[in-house]
PDB file of all heavy atoms in Angstrom:
ATOM      1  N   LYS A   1       0.812  -1.210   0.000  1.00  0.00           N
ATOM      2  CA  LYS A   1       0.000   0.000   0.000  1.00  0.00           C
ATOM      3  C   LYS A   1       0.851   1.268   0.000  1.00  0.00           C
ATOM      4  O   LYS A   1       0.329   2.349  -0.128  1.00  0.00           O
ATOM      5  CB  LYS A   1      -0.879   0.010   1.256  1.00  0.00           C
ATOM      6  CG  LYS A   1      -1.771  -1.201   1.400  1.00  0.00           C
ATOM      7  CD  LYS A   1      -2.508  -1.146   2.725  1.00  0.00           C
ATOM      8  CE  LYS A   1      -3.351  -2.377   2.939  1.00  0.00           C
ATOM      9  NZ  LYS A   1      -4.031  -2.353   4.247  1.00  0.00           N
ATOM     10  N   GLY A   2       2.177   1.146   0.177  1.00  0.00           N
ATOM     11  CA  GLY A   2       3.020   2.328   0.251  1.00  0.00           C
ATOM     12  C   GLY A   2       4.471   1.933   0.317  1.00  0.00           C
ATOM     13  O   GLY A   2       4.813   0.768   0.462  1.00  0.00           O
ATOM     14  N   SER A   3       5.341   2.939   0.213  1.00  0.00           N
ATOM     15  CA  SER A   3       6.769   2.647   0.186  1.00  0.00           C
ATOM     16  C   SER A   3       7.543   3.478   1.200  1.00  0.00           C
ATOM     17  O   SER A   3       8.731   3.656   1.071  1.00  0.00           O
ATOM     18  CB  SER A   3       7.331   2.914  -1.218  1.00  0.00           C
ATOM     19  OG  SER A   3       7.101   4.265  -1.596  1.00  0.00           O
ATOM     20  N   THR A   4       6.855   4.000   2.221  1.00  0.00           N
ATOM     21  CA  THR A   4       7.564   4.713   3.269  1.00  0.00           C
ATOM     22  C   THR A   4       7.459   3.929   4.572  1.00  0.00           C
ATOM     23  O   THR A   4       6.479   3.210   4.796  1.00  0.00           O
ATOM     24  CB  THR A   4       7.010   6.132   3.499  1.00  0.00           C
ATOM     25  OG1 THR A   4       5.708   6.054   4.100  1.00  0.00           O
ATOM     26  CG2 THR A   4       6.931   6.906   2.192  1.00  0.00           C
ATOM     27  N   LEU A   5       8.459   4.090   5.407  1.00  0.00           N
ATOM     28  CA  LEU A   5       8.436   3.431   6.708  1.00  0.00           C
ATOM     29  C   LEU A   5       7.245   3.904   7.529  1.00  0.00           C
ATOM     30  O   LEU A   5       6.568   3.102   8.183  1.00  0.00           O
ATOM     31  CB  LEU A   5       9.749   3.734   7.441  1.00  0.00           C
ATOM     32  CG  LEU A   5       9.882   3.224   8.872  1.00  0.00           C
ATOM     33  CD1 LEU A   5       9.693   1.722   8.931  1.00  0.00           C
ATOM     34  CD2 LEU A   5      11.235   3.622   9.443  1.00  0.00           C
ATOM     35  N   ALA A   6       6.962   5.199   7.471  1.00  0.00           N
ATOM     36  CA  ALA A   6       5.846   5.761   8.229  1.00  0.00           C
ATOM     37  C   ALA A   6       4.527   5.107   7.830  1.00  0.00           C
ATOM     38  O   ALA A   6       3.715   4.724   8.679  1.00  0.00           O
ATOM     39  CB  ALA A   6       5.776   7.271   8.020  1.00  0.00           C
ATOM     40  N   HIS A   7       4.302   4.974   6.535  1.00  0.00           N
ATOM     41  CA  HIS A   7       3.047   4.382   6.052  1.00  0.00           C
ATOM     42  C   HIS A   7       2.910   2.930   6.499  1.00  0.00           C
ATOM     43  O   HIS A   7       1.843   2.493   6.948  1.00  0.00           O
ATOM     44  CB  HIS A   7       2.996   4.460   4.530  1.00  0.00           C
ATOM     45  CG  HIS A   7       1.751   3.846   3.946  1.00  0.00           C
ATOM     46  ND1 HIS A   7       0.603   4.560   3.707  1.00  0.00           N
ATOM     47  CD2 HIS A   7       1.475   2.566   3.577  1.00  0.00           C
ATOM     48  CE1 HIS A   7      -0.330   3.761   3.220  1.00  0.00           C
ATOM     49  NE2 HIS A   7       0.179   2.540   3.125  1.00  0.00           N
ATOM     50  N   CYS A   8       4.010   2.170   6.410  1.00  0.00           N
ATOM     51  CA  CYS A   8       3.944   0.755   6.760  1.00  0.00           C
ATOM     52  C   CYS A   8       3.752   0.559   8.260  1.00  0.00           C
ATOM     53  O   CYS A   8       3.068  -0.378   8.676  1.00  0.00           O
ATOM     54  CB  CYS A   8       5.214   0.055   6.280  1.00  0.00           C
ATOM     55  SG  CYS A   8       5.331  -0.051   4.480  1.00  0.00           S
ATOM     56  N   VAL A   9       4.345   1.422   9.072  1.00  0.00           N
ATOM     57  CA  VAL A   9       4.129   1.343  10.519  1.00  0.00           C
ATOM     58  C   VAL A   9       2.659   1.582  10.830  1.00  0.00           C
ATOM     59  O   VAL A   9       2.032   0.854  11.606  1.00  0.00           O
ATOM     60  CB  VAL A   9       5.006   2.370  11.265  1.00  0.00           C
ATOM     61  CG1 VAL A   9       4.553   2.518  12.713  1.00  0.00           C
ATOM     62  CG2 VAL A   9       6.468   1.938  11.225  1.00  0.00           C
ATOM     63  N   ARG A  10       2.087   2.608  10.216  1.00  0.00           N
ATOM     64  CA  ARG A  10       0.671   2.913  10.473  1.00  0.00           C
ATOM     65  C   ARG A  10      -0.233   1.781   9.990  1.00  0.00           C
ATOM     66  O   ARG A  10      -1.210   1.417  10.641  1.00  0.00           O
ATOM     67  CB  ARG A  10       0.291   4.229   9.791  1.00  0.00           C
ATOM     68  CG  ARG A  10       0.892   5.470  10.456  1.00  0.00           C
ATOM     69  CD  ARG A  10       0.282   6.747   9.901  1.00  0.00           C
ATOM     70  NE  ARG A  10       0.790   7.918  10.593  1.00  0.00           N
ATOM     71  CZ  ARG A  10       1.846   8.627  10.194  1.00  0.00           C
ATOM     72  NH1 ARG A  10       2.495   8.279   9.084  1.00  0.00           N
ATOM     73  NH2 ARG A  10       2.251   9.675  10.882  1.00  0.00           N
ATOM     74  N   THR A  11       0.087   1.225   8.819  1.00  0.00           N
ATOM     75  CA  THR A  11      -0.748   0.166   8.265  1.00  0.00           C
ATOM     76  C   THR A  11      -0.752  -1.072   9.139  1.00  0.00           C
ATOM     77  O   THR A  11      -1.802  -1.667   9.410  1.00  0.00           O
ATOM     78  CB  THR A  11      -0.261  -0.205   6.846  1.00  0.00           C
ATOM     79  OG1 THR A  11      -0.352   0.934   5.998  1.00  0.00           O
ATOM     80  CG2 THR A  11      -1.102  -1.329   6.262  1.00  0.00           C
ATOM     81  N   LYS A  12       0.417  -1.461   9.605  1.00  0.00           N
ATOM     82  CA  LYS A  12       0.523  -2.706  10.366  1.00  0.00           C
ATOM     83  C   LYS A  12       0.175  -2.548  11.837  1.00  0.00           C
ATOM     84  O   LYS A  12      -0.483  -3.415  12.420  1.00  0.00           O
ATOM     85  CB  LYS A  12       1.937  -3.270  10.236  1.00  0.00           C
ATOM     86  CG  LYS A  12       2.133  -4.580  11.005  1.00  0.00           C
ATOM     87  CD  LYS A  12       3.481  -5.194  10.730  1.00  0.00           C
ATOM     88  CE  LYS A  12       3.639  -6.518  11.480  1.00  0.00           C
ATOM     89  NZ  LYS A  12       4.936  -7.164  11.194  1.00  0.00           N
ATOM     90  N   TYR A  13       0.605  -1.441  12.434  1.00  0.00           N
ATOM     91  CA  TYR A  13       0.513  -1.336  13.894  1.00  0.00           C
ATOM     92  C   TYR A  13      -0.543  -0.342  14.403  1.00  0.00           C
ATOM     93  O   TYR A  13      -0.846  -0.341  15.575  1.00  0.00           O
ATOM     94  CB  TYR A  13       1.873  -0.941  14.470  1.00  0.00           C
ATOM     95  CG  TYR A  13       2.929  -2.002  14.285  1.00  0.00           C
ATOM     96  CD1 TYR A  13       3.888  -1.882  13.282  1.00  0.00           C
ATOM     97  CD2 TYR A  13       2.959  -3.118  15.106  1.00  0.00           C
ATOM     98  CE1 TYR A  13       4.860  -2.858  13.108  1.00  0.00           C
ATOM     99  CE2 TYR A  13       3.927  -4.103  14.939  1.00  0.00           C
ATOM    100  CZ  TYR A  13       4.877  -3.962  13.937  1.00  0.00           C
ATOM    101  OH  TYR A  13       5.834  -4.933  13.770  1.00  0.00           O
ATOM    102  N   VAL A  14      -1.075   0.515  13.513  1.00  0.00           N
ATOM    103  CA  VAL A  14      -2.029   1.513  13.975  1.00  0.00           C
ATOM    104  C   VAL A  14      -3.395   1.301  13.330  1.00  0.00           C
ATOM    105  O   VAL A  14      -4.383   1.026  14.013  1.00  0.00           O
ATOM    106  CB  VAL A  14      -1.536   2.945  13.681  1.00  0.00           C
ATOM    107  CG1 VAL A  14      -2.558   3.966  14.170  1.00  0.00           C
ATOM    108  CG2 VAL A  14      -0.190   3.180  14.359  1.00  0.00           C
ATOM    109  N   GLU A  15      -3.470   1.375  12.007  1.00  0.00           N
ATOM    110  CA  GLU A  15      -4.755   1.276  11.324  1.00  0.00           C
ATOM    111  C   GLU A  15      -5.396  -0.082  11.541  1.00  0.00           C
ATOM    112  O   GLU A  15      -6.607  -0.186  11.749  1.00  0.00           O
ATOM    113  CB  GLU A  15      -4.562   1.532   9.832  1.00  0.00           C
ATOM    114  CG  GLU A  15      -4.131   2.963   9.517  1.00  0.00           C
ATOM    115  CD  GLU A  15      -3.857   3.152   8.040  1.00  0.00           C
ATOM    116  OE1 GLU A  15      -4.061   2.195   7.265  1.00  0.00           O
ATOM    117  OE2 GLU A  15      -3.437   4.265   7.665  1.00  0.00           O
ATOM    118  N   GLU A  16      -4.598  -1.160  11.516  1.00  0.00           N
ATOM    119  CA  GLU A  16      -5.157  -2.495  11.684  1.00  0.00           C
ATOM    120  C   GLU A  16      -5.749  -2.673  13.072  1.00  0.00           C
ATOM    121  O   GLU A  16      -6.784  -3.302  13.272  1.00  0.00           O
ATOM    122  CB  GLU A  16      -4.070  -3.550  11.433  1.00  0.00           C
ATOM    123  CG  GLU A  16      -4.620  -4.931  11.149  1.00  0.00           C
ATOM    124  CD  GLU A  16      -3.550  -5.851  10.604  1.00  0.00           C
ATOM    125  OE1 GLU A  16      -2.808  -6.420  11.432  1.00  0.00           O
ATOM    126  OE2 GLU A  16      -3.454  -6.003   9.383  1.00  0.00           O
ATOM    127  N   GLN A  17      -5.083  -2.074  14.071  1.00  0.00           N
ATOM    128  CA  GLN A  17      -5.606  -2.152  15.433  1.00  0.00           C
ATOM    129  C   GLN A  17      -6.930  -1.407  15.554  1.00  0.00           C
ATOM    130  O   GLN A  17      -7.869  -1.861  16.195  1.00  0.00           O
ATOM    131  CB  GLN A  17      -4.578  -1.562  16.409  1.00  0.00           C
ATOM    132  CG  GLN A  17      -5.051  -1.496  17.853  1.00  0.00           C
ATOM    133  CD  GLN A  17      -5.370  -2.881  18.401  1.00  0.00           C
ATOM    134  OE1 GLN A  17      -4.720  -3.857  18.059  1.00  0.00           O
ATOM    135  NE2 GLN A  17      -6.390  -2.953  19.240  1.00  0.00           N
ATOM    136  N   GLU A  18      -7.011  -0.215  14.900  1.00  0.00           N
ATOM    137  CA  GLU A  18      -8.258   0.546  14.937  1.00  0.00           C
ATOM    138  C   GLU A  18      -9.390  -0.232  14.292  1.00  0.00           C
ATOM    139  O   GLU A  18     -10.517  -0.257  14.780  1.00  0.00           O
ATOM    140  CB  GLU A  18      -8.055   1.885  14.233  1.00  0.00           C
ATOM    141  CG  GLU A  18      -7.127   2.832  14.993  1.00  0.00           C
ATOM    142  CD  GLU A  18      -6.854   4.107  14.218  1.00  0.00           C
ATOM    143  OE1 GLU A  18      -7.285   4.169  13.037  1.00  0.00           O
ATOM    144  OE2 GLU A  18      -6.229   5.020  14.763  1.00  0.00           O
ATOM    145  N   GLU A  19      -9.109  -0.927  13.173  1.00  0.00           N
ATOM    146  CA  GLU A  19     -10.137  -1.708  12.496  1.00  0.00           C
ATOM    147  C   GLU A  19     -10.616  -2.855  13.386  1.00  0.00           C
ATOM    148  O   GLU A  19     -11.806  -3.176  13.430  1.00  0.00           O
ATOM    149  CB  GLU A  19      -9.574  -2.262  11.188  1.00  0.00           C
ATOM    150  CG  GLU A  19      -9.329  -1.179  10.135  1.00  0.00           C
ATOM    151  CD  GLU A  19      -8.651  -1.753   8.900  1.00  0.00           C
ATOM    152  OE1 GLU A  19      -8.396  -2.977   8.896  1.00  0.00           O
ATOM    153  OE2 GLU A  19      -8.380  -0.996   7.964  1.00  0.00           O
ATOM    154  N   GLN A  20      -9.694  -3.475  14.122  1.00  0.00           N
ATOM    155  CA  GLN A  20     -10.081  -4.577  14.996  1.00  0.00           C
ATOM    156  C   GLN A  20     -11.003  -4.086  16.101  1.00  0.00           C
ATOM    157  O   GLN A  20     -11.990  -4.725  16.445  1.00  0.00           O
ATOM    158  CB  GLN A  20      -8.824  -5.206  15.603  1.00  0.00           C
ATOM    159  CG  GLN A  20      -7.956  -5.907  14.563  1.00  0.00           C
ATOM    160  CD  GLN A  20      -6.527  -6.045  15.039  1.00  0.00           C
ATOM    161  OE1 GLN A  20      -6.229  -5.811  16.207  1.00  0.00           O
ATOM    162  NE2 GLN A  20      -5.650  -6.412  14.133  1.00  0.00           N
ATOM    163  N   GLU A  21     -10.682  -2.932  16.677  1.00  0.00           N
ATOM    164  CA  GLU A  21     -11.498  -2.398  17.754  1.00  0.00           C
ATOM    165  C   GLU A  21     -12.883  -2.008  17.251  1.00  0.00           C
ATOM    166  O   GLU A  21     -13.896  -2.280  17.892  1.00  0.00           O
ATOM    167  CB  GLU A  21     -10.787  -1.198  18.379  1.00  0.00           C
ATOM    168  CG  GLU A  21      -9.506  -1.588  19.117  1.00  0.00           C
ATOM    169  CD  GLU A  21      -8.758  -0.378  19.635  1.00  0.00           C
ATOM    170  OE1 GLU A  21      -9.186   0.743  19.308  1.00  0.00           O
ATOM    171  OE2 GLU A  21      -7.750  -0.550  20.344  1.00  0.00           O
ATOM    172  N   GLN A  22     -12.929  -1.391  16.055  1.00  0.00           N
ATOM    173  CA  GLN A  22     -14.221  -0.988  15.504  1.00  0.00           C
ATOM    174  C   GLN A  22     -15.073  -2.203  15.143  1.00  0.00           C
ATOM    175  O   GLN A  22     -16.294  -2.156  15.212  1.00  0.00           O
ATOM    176  CB  GLN A  22     -13.991  -0.115  14.263  1.00  0.00           C
ATOM    177  CG  GLN A  22     -13.362   1.235  14.598  1.00  0.00           C
ATOM    178  CD  GLN A  22     -12.953   1.989  13.344  1.00  0.00           C
ATOM    179  OE1 GLN A  22     -13.187   1.527  12.229  1.00  0.00           O
ATOM    180  NE2 GLN A  22     -12.351   3.142  13.519  1.00  0.00           N
ATOM    181  N   GLY A  23     -14.417  -3.298  14.775  1.00  0.00           N
ATOM    182  CA  GLY A  23     -15.147  -4.488  14.376  1.00  0.00           C
ATOM    183  C   GLY A  23     -15.524  -5.382  15.538  1.00  0.00           C
ATOM    184  O   GLY A  23     -16.068  -6.467  15.336  1.00  0.00           O
ATOM    185  N   GLY A  24     -15.190  -4.960  16.751  1.00  0.00           N
ATOM    186  CA  GLY A  24     -15.550  -5.746  17.918  1.00  0.00           C
ATOM    187  C   GLY A  24     -14.706  -6.985  18.108  1.00  0.00           C
ATOM    188  O   GLY A  24     -15.111  -7.926  18.793  1.00  0.00           O
ATOM    189  N   LEU A  25     -13.501  -7.016  17.489  1.00  0.00           N
ATOM    190  CA  LEU A  25     -12.654  -8.187  17.580  1.00  0.00           C
ATOM    191  C   LEU A  25     -11.530  -8.005  18.585  1.00  0.00           C
ATOM    192  O   LEU A  25     -10.684  -8.869  18.723  1.00  0.00           O
ATOM    193  CB  LEU A  25     -12.033  -8.497  16.206  1.00  0.00           C
ATOM    194  CG  LEU A  25     -13.026  -8.817  15.089  1.00  0.00           C
ATOM    195  CD1 LEU A  25     -12.291  -8.973  13.766  1.00  0.00           C
ATOM    196  CD2 LEU A  25     -13.800 -10.085  15.416  1.00  0.00           C
ATOM    197  N   VAL A  26     -11.529  -6.894  19.271  1.00  0.00           N
ATOM    198  CA  VAL A  26     -10.395  -6.594  20.142  1.00  0.00           C
ATOM    199  C   VAL A  26     -10.233  -7.620  21.249  1.00  0.00           C
ATOM    200  O   VAL A  26      -9.122  -7.966  21.631  1.00  0.00           O
ATOM    201  CB  VAL A  26     -10.536  -5.173  20.729  1.00  0.00           C
ATOM    202  CG1 VAL A  26     -11.765  -5.084  21.628  1.00  0.00           C
ATOM    203  CG2 VAL A  26      -9.278  -4.788  21.495  1.00  0.00           C
ATOM    204  N   LEU A  27     -11.316  -8.203  21.779  1.00  0.00           N
ATOM    205  CA  LEU A  27     -11.215  -9.171  22.859  1.00  0.00           C
ATOM    206  C   LEU A  27     -10.620 -10.484  22.376  1.00  0.00           C
ATOM    207  O   LEU A  27     -10.003 -11.217  23.144  1.00  0.00           O
ATOM    208  CB  LEU A  27     -12.601  -9.437  23.474  1.00  0.00           C
ATOM    209  CG  LEU A  27     -13.243  -8.251  24.196  1.00  0.00           C
ATOM    210  CD1 LEU A  27     -14.636  -8.646  24.700  1.00  0.00           C
ATOM    211  CD2 LEU A  27     -12.354  -7.795  25.362  1.00  0.00           C
ATOM    212  N   PHE A  28     -10.745 -10.740  21.086  1.00  0.00           N
ATOM    213  CA  PHE A  28     -10.217 -11.983  20.531  1.00  0.00           C
ATOM    214  C   PHE A  28      -8.759 -11.847  20.135  1.00  0.00           C
ATOM    215  O   PHE A  28      -7.978 -12.777  20.284  1.00  0.00           O
ATOM    216  CB  PHE A  28     -11.055 -12.391  19.303  1.00  0.00           C
ATOM    217  CG  PHE A  28     -10.520 -13.599  18.581  1.00  0.00           C
ATOM    218  CD1 PHE A  28     -10.637 -14.868  19.140  1.00  0.00           C
ATOM    219  CD2 PHE A  28      -9.901 -13.464  17.352  1.00  0.00           C
ATOM    220  CE1 PHE A  28     -10.145 -15.978  18.476  1.00  0.00           C
ATOM    221  CE2 PHE A  28      -9.412 -14.572  16.687  1.00  0.00           C
ATOM    222  CZ  PHE A  28      -9.532 -15.826  17.242  1.00  0.00           C
ATOM    223  N   LEU A  29      -8.378 -10.651  19.662  1.00  0.00           N
ATOM    224  CA  LEU A  29      -7.054 -10.475  19.092  1.00  0.00           C
ATOM    225  C   LEU A  29      -6.093  -9.713  19.996  1.00  0.00           C
ATOM    226  O   LEU A  29      -4.908  -9.990  20.018  1.00  0.00           O
ATOM    227  CB  LEU A  29      -7.162  -9.723  17.750  1.00  0.00           C
ATOM    228  CG  LEU A  29      -7.867 -10.484  16.641  1.00  0.00           C
ATOM    229  CD1 LEU A  29      -8.144  -9.548  15.477  1.00  0.00           C
ATOM    230  CD2 LEU A  29      -7.022 -11.659  16.183  1.00  0.00           C
ATOM    231  N   HIS A  30      -6.583  -8.749  20.738  1.00  0.00           N
ATOM    232  CA  HIS A  30      -5.720  -7.870  21.492  1.00  0.00           C
ATOM    233  C   HIS A  30      -5.505  -8.454  22.888  1.00  0.00           C
ATOM    234  O   HIS A  30      -6.123  -8.065  23.859  1.00  0.00           O
ATOM    235  CB  HIS A  30      -6.338  -6.476  21.584  1.00  0.00           C
ATOM    236  CG  HIS A  30      -5.414  -5.457  22.175  1.00  0.00           C
ATOM    237  ND1 HIS A  30      -4.171  -5.210  21.657  1.00  0.00           N
ATOM    238  CD2 HIS A  30      -5.566  -4.622  23.239  1.00  0.00           C
ATOM    239  CE1 HIS A  30      -3.582  -4.252  22.356  1.00  0.00           C
ATOM    240  NE2 HIS A  30      -4.405  -3.894  23.333  1.00  0.00           N
ATOM    241  N   LEU A  31      -4.578  -9.458  22.940  1.00  0.00           N
ATOM    242  CA  LEU A  31      -4.392 -10.190  24.173  1.00  0.00           C
ATOM    243  C   LEU A  31      -3.123  -9.787  24.910  1.00  0.00           C
ATOM    244  O   LEU A  31      -2.827 -10.332  25.965  1.00  0.00           O
ATOM    245  CB  LEU A  31      -4.330 -11.697  23.878  1.00  0.00           C
ATOM    246  CG  LEU A  31      -5.553 -12.276  23.169  1.00  0.00           C
ATOM    247  CD1 LEU A  31      -5.342 -13.750  22.889  1.00  0.00           C
ATOM    248  CD2 LEU A  31      -6.804 -12.058  24.011  1.00  0.00           C
ATOM    249  N   SER A  32      -2.339  -8.868  24.358  1.00  0.00           N
ATOM    250  CA  SER A  32      -1.079  -8.480  24.970  1.00  0.00           C
ATOM    251  C   SER A  32      -1.315  -7.705  26.264  1.00  0.00           C
ATOM    252  O   SER A  32      -2.177  -6.840  26.338  1.00  0.00           O
ATOM    253  CB  SER A  32      -0.272  -7.610  23.997  1.00  0.00           C
ATOM    254  OG  SER A  32       0.892  -7.118  24.632  1.00  0.00           O
TER     255      SER A  32
END
């Protein structure tokens, strides 16, 4: 989706987490 470090950090570690929380999957996935 992009070629910058900033974009890839957001895609993997920020945006994906937000999508999980909005989808109600945080209790299943966010176990750390």
